[in-house]
Amino acid sequence: MSNIDKILKEAVEGYEAPYDASIWDNISSQLSPMEDAFRESVKGHEAPYNPSAWSAIKNQIGSSSTLFQWIAGSAAAVTLVVGAIAFIPSDDSTPVERPTASKIDTNSAIVLNDNKTTVDKITTNETTPLVENEIANNNTTDENLNIAENNTDLSNPLVNDNGNTQESDDSVDQPDNNNNQGDGIAVVTTIETPEDNDPVDVVELKYSADFSVSEDEVCAGEKIIFNPKVVKGNAIYVWDFGDGAYSSESSASHLFETAGNYNVILTVRDKSTNKVLATSKESVTINGLPNIEFSWEKDNAIIPTVDFINLTEEGQDWAWKVNGRMISDKNEFEYTFRDKGIYTVELSATNNDGCENQMQEQITVDSDYDLFAPNAFTPNGDGSNETFIPKALLLMDKEFTMMIYDQPGNLVYTTQSASEPWDGRAADNTVAPGGSYIWRVMLKNGNGQIEEYKGQLIMIR
């Protein structure tokens, strides 16, 4: 018995419909359209003829009233049977070849920028035929479930324990373990939804900790700038400068205060897990500074001339400054503070490594200084205040020249000895008239420099 015979027999088995002739006549007039519907439904199907099965069905037909019910039930059964026939595969094992749907995202271009990794999709219309013996059926759901289960074995954070794809950022970095100096590798995995049936794209990204140094040898107190050669937004940059100082800036600068050789280490870490992605090391040399030191002393308590003594252990290219003005380039120097005020004295020097250092001290001067010269004298022969010379010239053992001018500017007197003050006589030994005169002193200080002093003098007769 064929499949159709079995189905029809099971559909009417046990059913008894009463016979009604009038109903049967009404139905008979409609059999032509119904037969056409049946014929269209089973068109192309040939079922073997079985007289015994047909007789069994005929014996179950009673009155015409029950015939309608039987026909209605049989029509429903035939419809189900025809529908089943449409889905029953033929015994022929010849594969059905049909084009597959166009695949999307077969190629992925990974684009790196400073902040994230994006995936640029490239669409192709590649058509792939089904492989041999591949039959289209209703197993698509099972295949998708298998794909989801297989994806969980990829250890990708985008797929949870249930095999479901989770939402994520444009890219996920999964670096390999790399604690050695040099480049690190992170795995960026992009997983499409299971329905796409596309393979998982795995892209390896290299993380570099290499960096540049503005100077690899400097003096203590000078700043060095460190710049990574590659900066990625999903990484943390940790600098170890080797002197106990650290920085988390991507580009860092550091000032080394103590001389020595230092290993500067850059560690690149994952921003989410703090995992070490790459490390790199560079060495820098810090040269020491000369140890500047000086002291001072005064030869005379009332004269504001100070001798400065250089106590620096080693150095060269000396520079003495007073209130920022260069005074001397000698190892030691002397300076006279002629005006009242506070002065800043600075000594700077360099060493054999070319490193410069300086030291400053402050000096306070209580009064103005003009060689303590009197503003008048009386050469009248009474034995009191008979001569003129600045008192400082009597206290210092310095080379000098003193000159006296009258108001028109004529030179009246000159001397280079503290024991030869002006007694009121002219150069030709004649008596000079009383009145106002100008005095001028050119003094050679301890630095070998000439200092000039001048003032106004009244001679009273």
Protein backbone atom coordinates (compact mmCIF):
# COMPACT_ATOMS: atom_id res chain seq x y z
CA MET A 1 0.00 0.00 0.00
CA SER A 2 1.34 3.39 -0.95
CA ASN A 3 1.69 6.30 1.40
CA ILE A 4 -1.39 8.05 0.02
CA ASP A 5 -3.50 4.93 0.47
CA LYS A 6 -2.42 4.62 4.08
CA ILE A 7 -3.13 8.27 4.80
CA LEU A 8 -6.62 8.12 3.21
CA LYS A 9 -7.47 4.91 4.99
CA GLU A 10 -6.38 6.28 8.37
CA ALA A 11 -8.38 9.46 7.72
CA VAL A 12 -11.71 7.63 7.22
CA GLU A 13 -11.11 4.56 9.36
CA GLY A 14 -13.85 4.08 11.94
CA TYR A 15 -16.05 6.80 10.55
CA GLU A 16 -19.64 5.98 9.54
CA ALA A 17 -21.72 8.65 7.82
CA PRO A 18 -25.52 8.22 7.37
CA TYR A 19 -26.78 8.16 3.85
CA ASP A 20 -29.02 11.01 2.59
CA ALA A 21 -29.93 10.94 -1.11
CA SER A 22 -30.99 14.56 -1.39
CA ILE A 23 -27.77 15.83 0.09
CA TRP A 24 -25.79 13.54 -2.18
CA ASP A 25 -27.55 15.00 -5.26
CA ASN A 26 -26.67 18.52 -4.15
CA ILE A 27 -23.07 17.60 -3.59
CA SER A 28 -22.85 15.72 -6.87
CA SER A 29 -23.64 18.94 -8.76
CA GLN A 30 -20.61 20.54 -7.09
CA LEU A 31 -18.20 17.69 -7.60
CA SER A 32 -16.83 19.12 -10.83
CA PRO A 33 -15.32 22.22 -9.17
CA MET A 34 -14.13 20.15 -6.24
CA GLU A 35 -12.62 17.57 -8.54
CA ASP A 36 -10.77 20.38 -10.28
CA ALA A 37 -9.38 21.56 -6.92
CA PHE A 38 -8.33 18.04 -6.00
CA ARG A 39 -6.76 17.53 -9.38
CA GLU A 40 -4.76 20.77 -9.09
CA SER A 41 -3.56 19.84 -5.62
CA VAL A 42 -2.27 16.40 -6.53
CA LYS A 43 -1.15 17.29 -10.02
CA GLY A 44 2.04 15.52 -10.87
CA HIS A 45 1.63 12.84 -8.19
CA GLU A 46 0.87 9.25 -9.19
CA ALA A 47 -0.42 6.93 -6.49
CA PRO A 48 -0.74 3.20 -7.25
CA TYR A 49 -4.32 1.93 -7.61
CA ASN A 50 -5.54 -0.45 -4.92
CA PRO A 51 -9.13 -1.79 -5.48
CA SER A 52 -9.41 -3.18 -1.97
CA ALA A 53 -8.65 0.22 -0.40
CA TRP A 54 -11.17 1.91 -2.66
CA SER A 55 -13.85 -0.65 -1.78
CA ALA A 56 -13.21 -0.07 1.89
CA ILE A 57 -13.85 3.62 1.43
CA LYS A 58 -16.96 3.02 -0.70
CA ASN A 59 -18.46 0.73 1.91
CA GLN A 60 -18.26 3.54 4.45
CA ILE A 61 -20.46 5.88 2.39
CA GLY A 62 -24.02 5.89 3.69
CA SER A 63 -26.85 8.42 3.21
CA SER A 64 -26.44 11.62 1.25
CA SER A 65 -26.56 13.71 4.44
CA THR A 66 -23.51 12.01 5.85
CA LEU A 67 -21.79 12.05 2.51
CA PHE A 68 -21.26 15.80 2.77
CA GLN A 69 -19.59 15.43 6.12
CA TRP A 70 -17.41 12.64 4.84
CA ILE A 71 -16.42 14.62 1.75
CA ALA A 72 -15.59 17.69 3.89
CA GLY A 73 -13.43 15.63 6.24
CA SER A 74 -11.81 13.82 3.34
CA ALA A 75 -11.07 17.12 1.59
CA ALA A 76 -9.29 18.38 4.68
CA ALA A 77 -7.32 15.14 4.89
CA VAL A 78 -6.42 15.30 1.22
CA THR A 79 -5.30 18.89 1.64
CA LEU A 80 -3.01 17.85 4.51
CA VAL A 81 -1.77 14.93 2.46
CA VAL A 82 -1.04 17.11 -0.56
CA GLY A 83 0.74 19.59 1.68
CA ALA A 84 2.80 16.80 3.17
CA ILE A 85 3.59 15.47 -0.30
CA ALA A 86 4.89 18.88 -1.28
CA PHE A 87 7.42 18.71 1.57
CA ILE A 88 8.32 15.04 1.34
CA PRO A 89 11.73 14.78 -0.35
CA SER A 90 11.94 12.48 -3.32
CA ASP A 91 13.96 9.34 -3.18
CA ASP A 92 16.24 10.82 -5.79
CA SER A 93 19.50 11.75 -4.00
CA THR A 94 20.57 14.13 -6.74
CA PRO A 95 21.65 17.37 -5.00
CA VAL A 96 19.70 20.47 -5.80
CA GLU A 97 22.02 23.22 -6.90
CA ARG A 98 20.86 26.74 -6.13
CA PRO A 99 22.66 30.05 -5.56
CA THR A 100 23.22 31.16 -2.00
CA ALA A 101 22.40 34.59 -0.75
CA SER A 102 25.03 37.23 -1.31
CA LYS A 103 27.44 37.35 1.60
CA ILE A 104 28.19 40.62 3.31
CA ASP A 105 31.29 41.65 5.19
CA THR A 106 33.58 39.03 3.70
CA ASN A 107 36.46 41.44 3.98
CA SER A 108 37.14 43.65 6.94
CA ALA A 109 39.61 46.52 6.93
CA ILE A 110 40.95 47.40 10.37
CA VAL A 111 41.62 51.13 10.74
CA LEU A 112 43.71 52.39 13.67
CA ASN A 113 43.52 55.91 15.03
CA ASP A 114 44.59 57.62 18.27
CA ASN A 115 41.50 56.69 20.21
CA LYS A 116 40.06 53.35 18.96
CA THR A 117 40.10 50.59 16.36
CA THR A 118 37.23 50.62 13.89
CA VAL A 119 36.15 48.00 11.39
CA ASP A 120 35.42 49.27 7.87
CA LYS A 121 33.06 46.86 6.13
CA ILE A 122 33.66 45.91 2.50
CA THR A 123 30.61 44.43 0.75
CA THR A 124 31.00 41.84 -1.98
CA ASN A 125 28.41 39.96 -4.06
CA GLU A 126 30.21 36.65 -4.07
CA THR A 127 27.90 33.71 -4.98
CA THR A 128 28.89 30.30 -3.65
CA PRO A 129 27.10 27.13 -4.83
CA LEU A 130 26.08 24.48 -2.33
CA VAL A 131 28.58 21.71 -1.91
CA GLU A 132 27.75 18.26 -3.17
CA ASN A 133 24.95 16.49 -1.27
CA GLU A 134 24.03 19.72 0.53
CA ILE A 135 20.21 19.81 0.60
CA ALA A 136 18.12 22.85 1.61
CA ASN A 137 16.05 21.79 4.61
CA ASN A 138 14.82 22.98 7.96
CA ASN A 139 18.12 22.45 9.83
CA THR A 140 19.14 26.12 9.66
CA THR A 141 18.27 26.68 13.30
CA ASP A 142 20.46 23.77 14.41
CA GLU A 143 23.35 25.00 12.30
CA ASN A 144 23.10 28.48 13.81
CA LEU A 145 23.05 27.00 17.29
CA ASN A 146 26.18 25.01 16.47
CA ILE A 147 27.90 28.17 15.24
CA ALA A 148 27.04 29.96 18.47
CA GLU A 149 28.39 27.03 20.50
CA ASN A 150 31.62 26.96 18.49
CA ASN A 151 32.12 30.69 18.94
CA THR A 152 32.30 30.27 22.71
CA ASP A 153 35.53 28.30 22.26
CA LEU A 154 37.27 31.37 20.85
CA SER A 155 37.69 32.89 24.32
CA ASN A 156 36.51 36.21 23.01
CA PRO A 157 35.02 38.71 25.46
CA LEU A 158 32.34 39.57 22.89
CA VAL A 159 30.66 36.15 23.41
CA ASN A 160 29.27 35.20 26.82
CA ASP A 161 28.93 31.76 28.36
CA ASN A 162 25.61 31.20 26.58
CA GLY A 163 27.11 31.71 23.15
CA ASN A 164 25.32 35.01 22.61
CA THR A 165 27.02 37.97 21.00
CA GLN A 166 27.35 40.94 23.35
CA GLU A 167 27.45 44.58 22.39
CA SER A 168 30.88 46.14 22.45
CA ASP A 169 32.95 49.07 21.25
CA ASP A 170 34.39 49.22 17.75
CA SER A 171 37.28 47.02 18.77
CA VAL A 172 38.47 44.88 21.64
CA ASP A 173 42.16 44.41 22.30
CA GLN A 174 43.22 41.04 23.66
CA PRO A 175 47.03 41.26 23.91
CA ASP A 176 49.38 38.37 24.31
CA ASN A 177 51.46 38.18 27.45
CA ASN A 178 54.61 40.23 26.84
CA ASN A 179 56.68 41.49 29.73
CA ASN A 180 59.88 41.68 27.72
CA GLN A 181 61.47 44.79 26.36
CA GLY A 182 60.16 45.65 22.89
CA ASP A 183 56.83 45.33 21.10
CA GLY A 184 53.77 43.62 22.52
CA ILE A 185 50.94 42.00 20.56
CA ALA A 186 47.24 42.39 21.23
CA VAL A 187 44.54 40.33 19.46
CA VAL A 188 41.57 42.29 18.17
CA THR A 189 38.65 39.97 17.41
CA THR A 190 35.51 40.95 15.51
CA ILE A 191 32.57 38.51 15.72
CA GLU A 192 29.46 38.86 13.58
CA THR A 193 26.06 37.61 14.77
CA PRO A 194 25.57 33.84 14.49
CA GLU A 195 22.95 34.31 11.75
CA ASP A 196 25.66 35.61 9.38
CA ASN A 197 27.45 32.26 9.49
CA ASP A 198 30.63 34.23 8.76
CA PRO A 199 34.00 33.15 10.17
CA VAL A 200 35.52 35.07 13.05
CA ASP A 201 38.05 37.70 11.95
CA VAL A 202 41.13 37.79 14.18
CA VAL A 203 43.59 40.65 13.70
CA GLU A 204 46.84 41.03 15.62
CA LEU A 205 47.82 44.57 16.64
CA LYS A 206 51.32 45.38 17.78
CA TYR A 207 51.81 47.65 20.78
CA SER A 208 55.16 49.43 20.88
CA ALA A 209 56.79 50.99 23.93
CA ASP A 210 59.69 52.50 21.97
CA PHE A 211 60.25 56.15 22.79
CA SER A 212 62.54 59.03 21.88
CA VAL A 213 64.66 61.14 24.24
CA SER A 214 65.31 64.83 23.66
CA GLU A 215 68.83 64.52 25.17
CA ASP A 216 70.58 61.42 26.48
CA GLU A 217 73.25 63.40 28.38
CA VAL A 218 72.48 66.58 30.29
CA CYS A 219 73.53 68.43 33.40
CA ALA A 220 71.74 68.01 36.69
CA GLY A 221 68.75 70.30 36.88
CA GLU A 222 68.07 70.25 33.13
CA LYS A 223 64.80 68.86 31.78
CA ILE A 224 64.59 65.86 29.44
CA ILE A 225 61.50 65.22 27.27
CA PHE A 226 60.33 61.64 26.54
CA ASN A 227 57.92 60.90 23.66
CA PRO A 228 56.48 57.49 22.70
CA LYS A 229 56.89 56.69 19.02
CA VAL A 230 53.32 55.29 18.90
CA VAL A 231 50.40 56.43 21.06
CA LYS A 232 47.15 54.43 21.24
CA GLY A 233 44.05 55.64 23.04
CA ASN A 234 43.25 52.28 24.65
CA ALA A 235 46.58 52.08 26.49
CA ILE A 236 48.09 53.59 29.65
CA TYR A 237 51.69 54.85 29.60
CA VAL A 238 53.69 54.53 32.83
CA TRP A 239 57.15 56.10 33.06
CA ASP A 240 59.77 55.02 35.60
CA PHE A 241 62.61 57.55 35.52
CA GLY A 242 64.93 55.46 37.67
CA ASP A 243 65.37 58.08 40.40
CA GLY A 244 62.18 57.24 42.32
CA ALA A 245 59.93 59.47 40.20
CA TYR A 246 57.07 58.26 37.98
CA SER A 247 54.64 59.73 35.46
CA SER A 248 51.44 58.53 33.75
CA GLU A 249 51.46 61.10 30.95
CA SER A 250 51.70 59.72 27.43
CA SER A 251 54.49 62.24 26.72
CA ALA A 252 56.51 63.10 29.80
CA SER A 253 59.32 65.38 30.89
CA HIS A 254 61.58 65.02 33.89
CA LEU A 255 64.26 67.02 35.67
CA PHE A 256 67.06 64.96 37.22
CA GLU A 257 68.57 66.72 40.24
CA THR A 258 71.38 64.27 41.04
CA ALA A 259 74.27 63.21 38.84
CA GLY A 260 74.38 59.60 37.65
CA ASN A 261 73.27 57.12 34.98
CA TYR A 262 69.56 56.30 34.93
CA ASN A 263 67.48 53.67 33.13
CA VAL A 264 64.19 55.18 32.04
CA ILE A 265 61.53 52.49 31.49
CA LEU A 266 58.23 52.96 29.65
CA THR A 267 55.53 50.36 30.35
CA VAL A 268 52.42 50.26 28.14
CA ARG A 269 49.40 48.77 29.93
CA ASP A 270 45.86 47.90 28.86
CA LYS A 271 43.47 50.61 30.03
CA SER A 272 40.81 48.11 31.14
CA THR A 273 42.84 45.30 32.70
CA ASN A 274 46.16 47.05 33.45
CA LYS A 275 47.87 44.14 31.71
CA VAL A 276 51.39 44.87 30.48
CA LEU A 277 51.34 45.13 26.68
CA ALA A 278 54.93 46.26 26.01
CA THR A 279 57.98 47.75 27.71
CA SER A 280 61.05 49.65 26.56
CA LYS A 281 64.15 51.10 28.23
CA GLU A 282 66.55 53.92 27.43
CA SER A 283 69.57 55.13 29.42
CA VAL A 284 70.39 58.77 30.20
CA THR A 285 73.49 60.31 31.77
CA ILE A 286 73.21 63.19 34.21
CA ASN A 287 76.42 65.16 34.79
CA GLY A 288 77.04 66.87 38.09
CA LEU A 289 77.24 70.64 38.64
CA PRO A 290 80.21 72.49 40.09
CA ASN A 291 79.81 73.13 43.79
CA ILE A 292 79.86 76.94 43.90
CA GLU A 293 80.82 78.67 47.12
CA PHE A 294 82.35 82.04 48.04
CA SER A 295 82.94 84.33 50.98
CA TRP A 296 83.93 88.01 51.49
CA GLU A 297 85.83 90.35 53.81
CA LYS A 298 86.39 94.09 54.22
CA ASP A 299 89.88 95.59 54.50
CA ASN A 300 88.58 98.64 56.35
CA ALA A 301 85.52 98.82 58.54
CA ILE A 302 84.43 102.25 57.27
CA ILE A 303 85.20 101.75 53.59
CA PRO A 304 82.54 99.72 51.70
CA THR A 305 85.13 97.92 49.58
CA VAL A 306 84.74 94.14 49.81
CA ASP A 307 87.11 91.38 48.80
CA PHE A 308 85.23 88.29 47.54
CA ILE A 309 86.97 84.92 48.02
CA ASN A 310 86.15 81.99 45.70
CA LEU A 311 85.79 78.69 47.60
CA THR A 312 84.58 76.56 44.65
CA GLU A 313 86.41 73.22 44.54
CA GLU A 314 86.65 72.96 40.77
CA GLY A 315 85.44 75.12 37.94
CA GLN A 316 86.23 77.47 35.10
CA ASP A 317 84.74 80.35 33.14
CA TRP A 318 84.13 82.43 36.25
CA ALA A 319 81.57 85.23 36.25
CA TRP A 320 81.00 87.72 39.10
CA LYS A 321 77.84 89.81 38.91
CA VAL A 322 76.52 92.58 41.13
CA ASN A 323 72.79 93.18 40.81
CA GLY A 324 72.89 91.28 37.53
CA ARG A 325 75.69 93.38 36.03
CA MET A 326 78.86 91.60 35.01
CA ILE A 327 81.78 92.92 37.07
CA SER A 328 84.65 90.45 36.76
CA ASP A 329 85.69 87.18 35.14
CA LYS A 330 88.54 86.58 37.54
CA ASN A 331 88.78 83.84 40.10
CA GLU A 332 88.55 86.44 42.88
CA PHE A 333 87.50 90.08 42.80
CA GLU A 334 87.05 93.26 44.79
CA TYR A 335 84.12 95.61 44.72
CA THR A 336 83.31 98.97 46.31
CA PHE A 337 79.66 99.66 47.09
CA ARG A 338 79.41 103.41 46.59
CA ASP A 339 75.66 103.87 46.99
CA LYS A 340 73.42 102.99 49.88
CA GLY A 341 71.27 99.88 49.33
CA ILE A 342 71.07 96.09 49.19
CA TYR A 343 73.18 94.31 46.59
CA THR A 344 72.99 90.77 45.19
CA VAL A 345 76.36 89.28 44.42
CA GLU A 346 76.47 86.16 42.21
CA LEU A 347 79.31 83.83 41.27
CA SER A 348 78.82 81.32 38.43
CA ALA A 349 81.18 78.80 36.89
CA THR A 350 81.27 75.73 34.64
CA ASN A 351 83.08 72.41 35.05
CA ASN A 352 84.81 70.07 32.61
CA ASP A 353 81.45 68.53 31.58
CA GLY A 354 80.20 71.96 30.55
CA CYS A 355 77.68 72.14 33.40
CA GLU A 356 77.12 75.54 34.96
CA ASN A 357 76.11 76.42 38.49
CA GLN A 358 75.81 79.63 40.47
CA MET A 359 75.57 80.97 44.01
CA GLN A 360 74.15 84.27 45.29
CA GLU A 361 74.65 86.33 48.45
CA GLN A 362 73.25 89.69 49.53
CA ILE A 363 75.31 92.66 50.84
CA THR A 364 73.76 95.62 52.67
CA VAL A 365 75.35 99.11 52.40
CA ASP A 366 74.24 101.64 55.00
CA SER A 367 75.43 104.92 53.41
CA ASP A 368 76.70 106.46 50.20
CA TYR A 369 80.41 106.44 49.59
CA ASP A 370 82.49 109.13 47.85
CA LEU A 371 85.95 108.44 49.32
CA PHE A 372 84.90 110.39 52.40
CA ALA A 373 85.96 113.62 50.73
CA PRO A 374 85.26 116.89 52.69
CA ASN A 375 83.26 119.55 50.84
CA ALA A 376 85.41 122.52 52.05
CA PHE A 377 88.80 123.50 53.48
CA THR A 378 90.46 126.71 54.75
CA PRO A 379 94.13 127.17 53.74
CA ASN A 380 94.58 130.41 55.75
CA GLY A 381 97.63 129.45 57.76
CA ASP A 382 95.91 128.91 61.12
CA GLY A 383 96.99 125.28 61.20
CA SER A 384 93.46 123.84 60.96
CA ASN A 385 91.97 122.23 57.84
CA GLU A 386 94.78 123.59 55.69
CA THR A 387 94.75 120.90 52.92
CA PHE A 388 92.26 118.84 50.87
CA ILE A 389 92.34 115.11 50.01
CA PRO A 390 89.60 112.45 50.23
CA LYS A 391 90.12 110.56 53.50
CA ALA A 392 89.68 107.15 51.89
CA LEU A 393 92.83 107.68 49.87
CA LEU A 394 94.71 107.97 53.15
CA LEU A 395 93.30 104.65 54.35
CA MET A 396 93.77 102.57 51.22
CA ASP A 397 96.95 101.49 49.55
CA LYS A 398 95.71 102.02 46.03
CA GLU A 399 97.06 103.68 42.95
CA PHE A 400 95.20 106.90 42.19
CA THR A 401 95.37 110.27 40.54
CA MET A 402 93.64 113.34 42.05
CA MET A 403 92.91 116.45 39.93
CA ILE A 404 91.53 119.90 40.90
CA TYR A 405 89.66 122.06 38.32
CA ASP A 406 88.38 125.59 38.55
CA GLN A 407 84.91 126.52 37.39
CA PRO A 408 85.92 127.24 33.78
CA GLY A 409 87.41 123.68 33.72
CA ASN A 410 91.08 124.55 33.91
CA LEU A 411 93.33 122.07 35.66
CA VAL A 412 94.65 123.74 38.80
CA TYR A 413 96.37 120.89 40.65
CA THR A 414 97.17 117.15 40.31
CA THR A 415 98.80 114.51 42.57
CA GLN A 416 99.29 110.73 42.80
CA SER A 417 100.38 110.54 46.42
CA ALA A 418 98.29 110.57 49.59
CA SER A 419 101.14 112.54 51.23
CA GLU A 420 100.73 115.42 48.75
CA PRO A 421 97.23 116.89 49.35
CA TRP A 422 96.12 120.17 47.72
CA ASP A 423 97.12 123.16 49.85
CA GLY A 424 95.32 125.85 47.77
CA ARG A 425 98.22 126.67 45.41
CA ALA A 426 98.17 126.43 41.64
CA ALA A 427 100.48 124.36 39.53
CA ASP A 428 102.91 127.26 39.20
CA ASN A 429 102.92 127.55 43.01
CA THR A 430 100.85 130.72 43.01
CA VAL A 431 97.99 131.10 45.52
CA ALA A 432 94.63 130.21 44.00
CA PRO A 433 91.71 132.50 44.79
CA GLY A 434 88.97 131.29 47.12
CA GLY A 435 85.83 129.89 45.61
CA SER A 436 84.28 126.74 44.17
CA TYR A 437 86.40 124.00 42.62
CA ILE A 438 85.81 120.48 41.18
CA TRP A 439 87.83 117.49 42.37
CA ARG A 440 88.24 114.23 40.46
CA VAL A 441 89.95 110.94 41.52
CA MET A 442 90.82 108.05 39.22
CA LEU A 443 91.38 104.97 41.38
CA LYS A 444 92.65 101.53 40.35
CA ASN A 445 90.81 98.87 42.34
CA GLY A 446 91.88 95.35 43.29
CA ASN A 447 90.41 93.99 40.01
CA GLY A 448 92.77 96.17 37.97
CA GLN A 449 89.83 98.34 36.91
CA ILE A 450 89.75 102.15 37.14
CA GLU A 451 87.08 103.68 39.32
CA GLU A 452 86.19 107.37 38.99
CA TYR A 453 85.10 109.61 41.86
CA LYS A 454 84.33 113.32 41.74
CA GLY A 455 82.70 116.08 43.76
CA GLN A 456 82.47 119.82 44.45
CA LEU A 457 84.83 121.66 46.83
CA ILE A 458 84.71 125.12 48.42
CA MET A 459 88.03 126.81 49.27
CA ILE A 460 87.69 129.52 51.91
CA ARG A 461 90.41 132.14 52.35
